[in-house]
Amino acid sequence: MELKEAFKTAIKGEIEGRELYRTAAEKTTDKKAKKNFALLADEEQKHLDALLKLAQEYNEGKDLTIPSLPAPTSFQDAESPIFTKEFKETIANKDFEMSTLSIGIKLEIESEKFYREMAKMATGPDLKKFFEYLADWEKGHYEYLSKQISFFESYYSAKYSMARF
């Protein structure tokens, strides 16, 4: 894949992630989730800004200036990284939030995989390091979302369990 196409793909993915998390932040009623989905959306925006800058430099034939990005957000509550513990009690009625987590996991897996591929194809050590950094960041998002789903799984799946019929 040519670098120009790689930037287009990466930019599209970051926009999709940002919009997913923004919508989730707006729609959820859980205060902690609002804050954490907004943080995830902000991180996706930071990735987008960095990619747009690099793509512009590339299109103008300039040397690429690899931007530094702040450390990724770390969620403090190890048991429930995104939502409040009280949210778990009503999870059976939270289809939107569970769908957001599920879609988010898929986006994060694909983003990590894509950035790892881009790191392998990078032409210089700085660009390679940048793509590896983004891949690690997306892996962290995946781990937060996965941990959250695991925390809710038994409560949420009970609503749709065939054992109830």
C-alpha atoms as a PDB file:
ATOM      1  CA  MET A   1       0.000   0.000   0.000  1.00  0.00           C
ATOM      2  CA  GLU A   2       1.298   3.430  -0.923  1.00  0.00           C
ATOM      3  CA  LEU A   3       1.761   5.876   1.953  1.00  0.00           C
ATOM      4  CA  LYS A   4      -0.844   8.271   0.535  1.00  0.00           C
ATOM      5  CA  GLU A   5      -3.467   5.506   0.593  1.00  0.00           C
ATOM      6  CA  ALA A   6      -2.326   4.456   4.055  1.00  0.00           C
ATOM      7  CA  PHE A   7      -2.941   7.969   5.354  1.00  0.00           C
ATOM      8  CA  LYS A   8      -6.442   7.968   3.830  1.00  0.00           C
ATOM      9  CA  THR A   9      -7.280   4.648   5.458  1.00  0.00           C
ATOM     10  CA  ALA A  10      -5.862   5.684   8.824  1.00  0.00           C
ATOM     11  CA  ILE A  11      -7.668   9.029   8.760  1.00  0.00           C
ATOM     12  CA  LYS A  12     -10.971   7.335   7.958  1.00  0.00           C
ATOM     13  CA  GLY A  13     -10.498   4.887  10.826  1.00  0.00           C
ATOM     14  CA  GLU A  14      -9.712   7.634  13.336  1.00  0.00           C
ATOM     15  CA  ILE A  15     -12.798   9.606  12.277  1.00  0.00           C
ATOM     16  CA  GLU A  16     -14.973   6.505  12.701  1.00  0.00           C
ATOM     17  CA  GLY A  17     -13.568   5.851  16.175  1.00  0.00           C
ATOM     18  CA  ARG A  18     -13.928   9.481  17.227  1.00  0.00           C
ATOM     19  CA  GLU A  19     -17.554   9.602  16.110  1.00  0.00           C
ATOM     20  CA  LEU A  20     -18.414   6.301  17.785  1.00  0.00           C
ATOM     21  CA  TYR A  21     -17.012   7.457  21.126  1.00  0.00           C
ATOM     22  CA  ARG A  22     -18.480  10.974  20.803  1.00  0.00           C
ATOM     23  CA  THR A  23     -21.923   9.551  20.200  1.00  0.00           C
ATOM     24  CA  ALA A  24     -21.521   7.168  23.109  1.00  0.00           C
ATOM     25  CA  ALA A  25     -20.441  10.046  25.382  1.00  0.00           C
ATOM     26  CA  GLU A  26     -23.497  12.043  24.367  1.00  0.00           C
ATOM     27  CA  LYS A  27     -25.978   9.192  24.647  1.00  0.00           C
ATOM     28  CA  THR A  28     -24.993   7.272  27.784  1.00  0.00           C
ATOM     29  CA  THR A  29     -26.474   8.270  31.130  1.00  0.00           C
ATOM     30  CA  ASP A  30     -23.541   6.986  33.183  1.00  0.00           C
ATOM     31  CA  LYS A  31     -21.358   9.918  34.346  1.00  0.00           C
ATOM     32  CA  LYS A  32     -18.117   7.939  34.373  1.00  0.00           C
ATOM     33  CA  ALA A  33     -18.859   6.502  30.926  1.00  0.00           C
ATOM     34  CA  LYS A  34     -19.589   9.987  29.547  1.00  0.00           C
ATOM     35  CA  LYS A  35     -16.180  11.136  30.744  1.00  0.00           C
ATOM     36  CA  ASN A  36     -14.312   8.051  29.535  1.00  0.00           C
ATOM     37  CA  PHE A  37     -15.990   7.866  26.125  1.00  0.00           C
ATOM     38  CA  ALA A  38     -15.176  11.578  25.700  1.00  0.00           C
ATOM     39  CA  LEU A  39     -11.538  10.835  26.588  1.00  0.00           C
ATOM     40  CA  LEU A  40     -11.439   8.043  23.999  1.00  0.00           C
ATOM     41  CA  ALA A  41     -12.952  10.411  21.406  1.00  0.00           C
ATOM     42  CA  ASP A  42     -10.303  13.017  22.273  1.00  0.00           C
ATOM     43  CA  GLU A  43      -7.530  10.463  21.824  1.00  0.00           C
ATOM     44  CA  GLU A  44      -8.889   9.490  18.425  1.00  0.00           C
ATOM     45  CA  GLN A  45      -8.943  13.207  17.538  1.00  0.00           C
ATOM     46  CA  LYS A  46      -5.278  13.530  18.531  1.00  0.00           C
ATOM     47  CA  HIS A  47      -4.434  10.613  16.232  1.00  0.00           C
ATOM     48  CA  LEU A  48      -6.456  12.237  13.463  1.00  0.00           C
ATOM     49  CA  ASP A  49      -4.720  15.598  13.876  1.00  0.00           C
ATOM     50  CA  ALA A  50      -1.295  13.951  13.739  1.00  0.00           C
ATOM     51  CA  LEU A  51      -2.199  11.924  10.657  1.00  0.00           C
ATOM     52  CA  LEU A  52      -3.651  14.960   8.863  1.00  0.00           C
ATOM     53  CA  LYS A  53      -0.438  16.898   9.504  1.00  0.00           C
ATOM     54  CA  LEU A  54       1.705  14.055   8.182  1.00  0.00           C
ATOM     55  CA  ALA A  55      -0.530  13.547   5.144  1.00  0.00           C
ATOM     56  CA  GLN A  56      -0.320  17.245   4.293  1.00  0.00           C
ATOM     57  CA  GLU A  57       3.485  17.209   4.562  1.00  0.00           C
ATOM     58  CA  TYR A  58       3.625  14.090   2.416  1.00  0.00           C
ATOM     59  CA  ASN A  59       1.346  15.613  -0.247  1.00  0.00           C
ATOM     60  CA  GLU A  60       3.494  18.750  -0.317  1.00  0.00           C
ATOM     61  CA  GLY A  61       6.662  16.681  -0.761  1.00  0.00           C
ATOM     62  CA  LYS A  62       8.099  17.854   2.549  1.00  0.00           C
ATOM     63  CA  ASP A  63      10.101  15.799   5.006  1.00  0.00           C
ATOM     64  CA  LEU A  64       7.707  14.231   7.467  1.00  0.00           C
ATOM     65  CA  THR A  65       7.832  15.740  10.943  1.00  0.00           C
ATOM     66  CA  ILE A  66       6.670  13.031  13.304  1.00  0.00           C
ATOM     67  CA  PRO A  67       4.519  14.640  15.974  1.00  0.00           C
ATOM     68  CA  SER A  68       4.793  13.622  19.576  1.00  0.00           C
ATOM     69  CA  LEU A  69       1.609  12.448  21.193  1.00  0.00           C
ATOM     70  CA  PRO A  70       0.818  12.522  24.898  1.00  0.00           C
ATOM     71  CA  ALA A  71       0.635   9.279  26.799  1.00  0.00           C
ATOM     72  CA  PRO A  72      -2.662   7.448  26.352  1.00  0.00           C
ATOM     73  CA  THR A  73      -5.347   7.776  28.966  1.00  0.00           C
ATOM     74  CA  SER A  74      -5.301   5.188  31.694  1.00  0.00           C
ATOM     75  CA  PHE A  75      -8.535   4.365  33.410  1.00  0.00           C
ATOM     76  CA  GLN A  76      -8.189   4.154  37.173  1.00  0.00           C
ATOM     77  CA  ASP A  77     -10.872   1.656  38.135  1.00  0.00           C
ATOM     78  CA  ALA A  78      -9.402  -1.742  37.363  1.00  0.00           C
ATOM     79  CA  GLU A  79     -12.667  -3.606  37.842  1.00  0.00           C
ATOM     80  CA  SER A  80     -14.815  -1.372  35.648  1.00  0.00           C
ATOM     81  CA  PRO A  81     -12.562   0.865  33.563  1.00  0.00           C
ATOM     82  CA  ILE A  82     -15.263   2.810  31.723  1.00  0.00           C
ATOM     83  CA  PHE A  83     -18.539   2.660  33.647  1.00  0.00           C
ATOM     84  CA  THR A  84     -19.501   3.104  37.270  1.00  0.00           C
ATOM     85  CA  LYS A  85     -19.988  -0.041  39.311  1.00  0.00           C
ATOM     86  CA  GLU A  86     -23.645   0.955  39.801  1.00  0.00           C
ATOM     87  CA  PHE A  87     -24.153   0.872  36.034  1.00  0.00           C
ATOM     88  CA  LYS A  88     -23.641  -2.887  36.125  1.00  0.00           C
ATOM     89  CA  GLU A  89     -26.919  -3.351  37.986  1.00  0.00           C
ATOM     90  CA  THR A  90     -28.871  -1.939  35.027  1.00  0.00           C
ATOM     91  CA  ILE A  91     -26.713  -3.321  32.211  1.00  0.00           C
ATOM     92  CA  ALA A  92     -29.440  -5.636  30.951  1.00  0.00           C
ATOM     93  CA  ASN A  93     -31.195  -2.526  29.596  1.00  0.00           C
ATOM     94  CA  LYS A  94     -28.108  -0.936  28.063  1.00  0.00           C
ATOM     95  CA  ASP A  95     -28.044  -2.293  24.516  1.00  0.00           C
ATOM     96  CA  PHE A  96     -26.543   0.909  23.076  1.00  0.00           C
ATOM     97  CA  GLU A  97     -23.617   0.941  25.480  1.00  0.00           C
ATOM     98  CA  MET A  98     -22.883  -2.750  24.960  1.00  0.00           C
ATOM     99  CA  SER A  99     -23.054  -2.292  21.192  1.00  0.00           C
ATOM    100  CA  THR A 100     -20.654   0.647  21.456  1.00  0.00           C
ATOM    101  CA  LEU A 101     -18.173  -1.492  23.373  1.00  0.00           C
ATOM    102  CA  SER A 102     -18.487  -4.316  20.841  1.00  0.00           C
ATOM    103  CA  ILE A 103     -18.075  -2.054  17.802  1.00  0.00           C
ATOM    104  CA  GLY A 104     -15.257  -0.196  19.532  1.00  0.00           C
ATOM    105  CA  ILE A 105     -13.375  -3.442  20.096  1.00  0.00           C
ATOM    106  CA  LYS A 106     -13.618  -4.271  16.403  1.00  0.00           C
ATOM    107  CA  LEU A 107     -12.398  -0.813  15.396  1.00  0.00           C
ATOM    108  CA  GLU A 108      -9.490  -0.937  17.837  1.00  0.00           C
ATOM    109  CA  ILE A 109      -8.382  -4.403  16.676  1.00  0.00           C
ATOM    110  CA  GLU A 110      -8.452  -3.312  13.043  1.00  0.00           C
ATOM    111  CA  SER A 111      -6.636  -0.060  13.829  1.00  0.00           C
ATOM    112  CA  GLU A 112      -3.893  -1.836  15.738  1.00  0.00           C
ATOM    113  CA  LYS A 113      -3.453  -4.372  12.946  1.00  0.00           C
ATOM    114  CA  PHE A 114      -3.349  -1.616  10.316  1.00  0.00           C
ATOM    115  CA  TYR A 115      -0.777   0.462  12.222  1.00  0.00           C
ATOM    116  CA  ARG A 116       1.432  -2.588  12.780  1.00  0.00           C
ATOM    117  CA  GLU A 117       1.363  -3.245   9.017  1.00  0.00           C
ATOM    118  CA  MET A 118       2.202   0.403   8.348  1.00  0.00           C
ATOM    119  CA  ALA A 119       5.109   0.241  10.797  1.00  0.00           C
ATOM    120  CA  LYS A 120       6.533  -2.710   8.847  1.00  0.00           C
ATOM    121  CA  MET A 121       6.310  -0.737   5.593  1.00  0.00           C
ATOM    122  CA  ALA A 122       7.524   2.593   6.999  1.00  0.00           C
ATOM    123  CA  THR A 123      10.412   4.129   5.110  1.00  0.00           C
ATOM    124  CA  GLY A 124      12.185   5.698   8.068  1.00  0.00           C
ATOM    125  CA  PRO A 125      12.746   4.848  11.720  1.00  0.00           C
ATOM    126  CA  ASP A 126      10.727   7.836  12.995  1.00  0.00           C
ATOM    127  CA  LEU A 127       7.683   6.969  10.901  1.00  0.00           C
ATOM    128  CA  LYS A 128       8.004   3.319  11.938  1.00  0.00           C
ATOM    129  CA  LYS A 129       8.127   4.361  15.594  1.00  0.00           C
ATOM    130  CA  PHE A 130       5.105   6.633  15.125  1.00  0.00           C
ATOM    131  CA  PHE A 131       2.982   3.837  13.622  1.00  0.00           C
ATOM    132  CA  GLU A 132       4.092   1.428  16.349  1.00  0.00           C
ATOM    133  CA  TYR A 133       3.126   4.027  18.945  1.00  0.00           C
ATOM    134  CA  LEU A 134      -0.348   4.372  17.407  1.00  0.00           C
ATOM    135  CA  ALA A 135      -0.673   0.572  17.298  1.00  0.00           C
ATOM    136  CA  ASP A 136       0.192   0.304  20.982  1.00  0.00           C
ATOM    137  CA  TRP A 137      -2.272   3.069  21.810  1.00  0.00           C
ATOM    138  CA  GLU A 138      -5.071   1.278  19.923  1.00  0.00           C
ATOM    139  CA  LYS A 139      -4.149  -1.956  21.684  1.00  0.00           C
ATOM    140  CA  GLY A 140      -4.622  -0.145  24.994  1.00  0.00           C
ATOM    141  CA  HIS A 141      -8.070   1.011  23.915  1.00  0.00           C
ATOM    142  CA  TYR A 142      -8.915  -2.567  22.954  1.00  0.00           C
ATOM    143  CA  GLU A 143      -7.810  -3.800  26.376  1.00  0.00           C
ATOM    144  CA  TYR A 144      -9.966  -1.203  28.190  1.00  0.00           C
ATOM    145  CA  LEU A 145     -13.028  -2.092  26.127  1.00  0.00           C
ATOM    146  CA  SER A 146     -12.439  -5.833  26.417  1.00  0.00           C
ATOM    147  CA  LYS A 147     -12.025  -5.620  30.174  1.00  0.00           C
ATOM    148  CA  GLN A 148     -15.245  -3.629  30.419  1.00  0.00           C
ATOM    149  CA  ILE A 149     -17.195  -6.185  28.387  1.00  0.00           C
ATOM    150  CA  SER A 150     -15.848  -8.987  30.553  1.00  0.00           C
ATOM    151  CA  PHE A 151     -16.983  -7.087  33.646  1.00  0.00           C
ATOM    152  CA  PHE A 152     -20.548  -6.840  32.276  1.00  0.00           C
ATOM    153  CA  GLU A 153     -20.823 -10.052  30.272  1.00  0.00           C
ATOM    154  CA  SER A 154     -22.728 -12.291  32.678  1.00  0.00           C
ATOM    155  CA  TYR A 155     -25.137  -9.527  33.627  1.00  0.00           C
ATOM    156  CA  TYR A 156     -25.848  -8.498  30.068  1.00  0.00           C
ATOM    157  CA  SER A 157     -26.024 -11.960  28.512  1.00  0.00           C
ATOM    158  CA  ALA A 158     -28.536 -13.088  31.159  1.00  0.00           C
ATOM    159  CA  LYS A 159     -31.105 -10.806  29.508  1.00  0.00           C
ATOM    160  CA  TYR A 160     -30.814 -12.702  26.232  1.00  0.00           C
ATOM    161  CA  SER A 161     -30.140 -16.127  27.664  1.00  0.00           C
ATOM    162  CA  MET A 162     -32.083 -19.000  26.150  1.00  0.00           C
ATOM    163  CA  ALA A 163     -32.394 -20.391  29.669  1.00  0.00           C
ATOM    164  CA  ARG A 164     -35.130 -17.835  30.302  1.00  0.00           C
ATOM    165  CA  PHE A 165     -37.406 -19.367  27.656  1.00  0.00           C
END
